[in-house]
Protein backbone atom coordinates (compact mmCIF):
# COMPACT_ATOMS: atom_id res chain seq x y z
CA ASP A 1 -37.42 -3.69 5.97
CA ALA A 2 -34.46 -5.03 3.98
CA LYS A 3 -34.18 -1.81 1.94
CA GLN A 4 -34.32 0.33 5.08
CA GLY A 5 -31.66 -1.83 6.74
CA THR A 6 -29.40 -1.57 3.71
CA LYS A 7 -29.88 2.20 3.57
CA ALA A 8 -29.08 2.58 7.29
CA ASN A 9 -25.94 0.47 6.86
CA MET A 10 -24.77 2.46 3.83
CA LEU A 11 -25.23 5.81 5.60
CA ARG A 12 -23.28 4.87 8.75
CA ASP A 13 -19.83 6.25 9.56
CA ALA A 14 -17.85 3.24 8.28
CA LEU A 15 -19.36 3.46 4.79
CA LEU A 16 -20.75 6.70 3.31
CA ASP A 17 -20.50 8.64 6.61
CA ALA A 18 -23.61 10.65 5.72
CA ALA A 19 -23.40 12.76 8.88
CA ARG A 20 -20.07 14.27 7.73
CA TYR A 21 -20.64 13.98 3.97
CA PRO A 22 -24.35 14.53 3.29
CA GLU A 23 -23.92 14.99 -0.47
CA ILE A 24 -22.64 12.96 -3.38
CA ARG A 25 -21.77 15.24 -6.31
CA ILE A 26 -21.32 14.58 -9.98
CA THR A 27 -20.14 17.39 -12.26
CA ALA A 28 -19.81 17.14 -16.02
CA VAL A 29 -16.26 17.99 -17.10
CA ARG A 30 -16.75 17.57 -20.85
CA VAL A 31 -18.92 15.84 -23.41
CA GLN A 32 -17.42 13.93 -26.30
CA GLY A 33 -18.80 11.94 -29.20
CA ASP A 34 -21.80 13.03 -31.22
CA ALA A 35 -25.57 13.28 -30.66
CA ASN A 36 -25.96 9.57 -31.50
CA THR A 37 -23.28 8.30 -29.10
CA PRO A 38 -22.49 10.99 -26.51
CA VAL A 39 -20.17 10.26 -23.59
CA VAL A 40 -19.97 12.49 -20.53
CA ILE A 41 -16.66 12.70 -18.67
CA ALA A 42 -17.60 13.67 -15.12
CA ALA A 43 -16.04 14.24 -11.70
CA LEU A 44 -17.77 12.11 -9.06
CA ARG A 45 -17.25 13.10 -5.41
CA ILE A 46 -18.14 10.67 -2.64
CA LYS A 47 -17.01 11.49 0.89
CA ASP A 48 -13.67 13.28 0.47
CA GLN A 49 -12.65 11.45 -2.71
CA THR A 50 -13.15 12.66 -6.29
CA ARG A 51 -12.69 10.36 -9.26
CA GLN A 52 -13.26 10.84 -12.97
CA VAL A 53 -15.95 8.62 -14.50
CA THR A 54 -16.88 7.99 -18.11
CA VAL A 55 -20.63 7.89 -18.65
CA PRO A 56 -22.15 6.85 -21.99
CA VAL A 57 -25.59 8.45 -22.27
CA THR A 58 -28.67 8.13 -24.43
CA LEU A 59 -30.44 11.29 -25.57
CA GLN A 60 -34.11 11.33 -26.48
CA ALA A 61 -35.99 14.42 -27.64
CA ILE A 62 -39.39 14.63 -25.99
CA ASP A 63 -42.18 17.19 -26.08
CA LYS A 64 -40.58 20.49 -24.98
CA GLY A 65 -37.56 18.77 -23.52
CA LEU A 66 -34.83 16.18 -23.45
CA ARG A 67 -34.43 12.86 -21.66
CA VAL A 68 -30.90 11.78 -20.74
CA SER A 69 -30.37 8.28 -19.41
CA GLY A 70 -27.50 5.93 -18.79
CA SER A 71 -25.54 3.92 -16.30
CA PHE A 72 -21.97 3.46 -15.13
CA GLN A 73 -20.03 1.43 -12.60
CA ILE A 74 -17.78 2.50 -9.77
CA ARG A 75 -15.81 0.57 -7.19
CA GLN A 76 -16.57 1.52 -3.60
CA SER A 77 -12.92 1.02 -2.68
CA ASP A 78 -11.91 3.79 -5.14
CA PHE A 79 -13.72 6.19 -2.81
CA GLY A 80 -12.25 4.87 0.45
CA ILE A 81 -15.27 2.70 1.22
CA THR A 82 -14.81 -0.87 2.38
CA PRO A 83 -17.72 -2.91 1.02
CA LEU A 84 -20.20 -4.03 3.67
CA SER A 85 -19.51 -7.39 5.28
CA ILE A 86 -21.90 -9.05 7.74
CA ALA A 87 -21.61 -12.16 9.91
CA MET A 88 -17.83 -12.41 9.68
CA GLY A 89 -17.88 -12.33 5.89
CA ALA A 90 -20.79 -14.75 5.37
CA LEU A 91 -22.58 -11.91 3.57
CA LEU A 92 -20.28 -9.69 1.56
CA VAL A 93 -21.35 -6.85 -0.72
CA VAL A 94 -19.34 -6.70 -3.95
CA ASP A 95 -17.04 -3.73 -4.53
CA ALA A 96 -18.58 -2.75 -7.90
CA VAL A 97 -21.77 -0.68 -7.82
CA THR A 98 -23.86 0.19 -10.88
CA ILE A 99 -25.38 3.66 -10.91
CA LYS A 100 -28.37 4.15 -13.21
CA PHE A 101 -30.09 7.43 -14.00
CA ASP A 102 -32.94 8.85 -16.05
CA LEU A 103 -33.08 12.66 -16.20
CA LEU A 104 -35.75 14.81 -17.77
CA ALA A 105 -35.18 18.44 -18.78
CA ARG A 106 -38.17 20.48 -19.91
CA ALA A 107 -38.33 23.98 -21.37
CA ASP A 108 -41.14 26.10 -19.96
């Protein structure tokens, strides 16, 4: 129930406004570093705001594919989002959000 409530709050008009902006997009702009320490510079679009993010990634060769994983932080306020506050500020969500990912690419 708590996860569903949080999701519903995040999708409402005052936060992510999912009805008007149903997608969050991240597009790689360039990759720098080497195979041991790659860093992806990406454009992250949330609502009508695009910001550049720096994403250190880990590459792992797997059977017939590649696993790419990593994490990065954003501030909600950088994307025009005021962090959620409930009960007149008694419960306040911090501005920083950590985004984690684990992608798997396989060759067929």
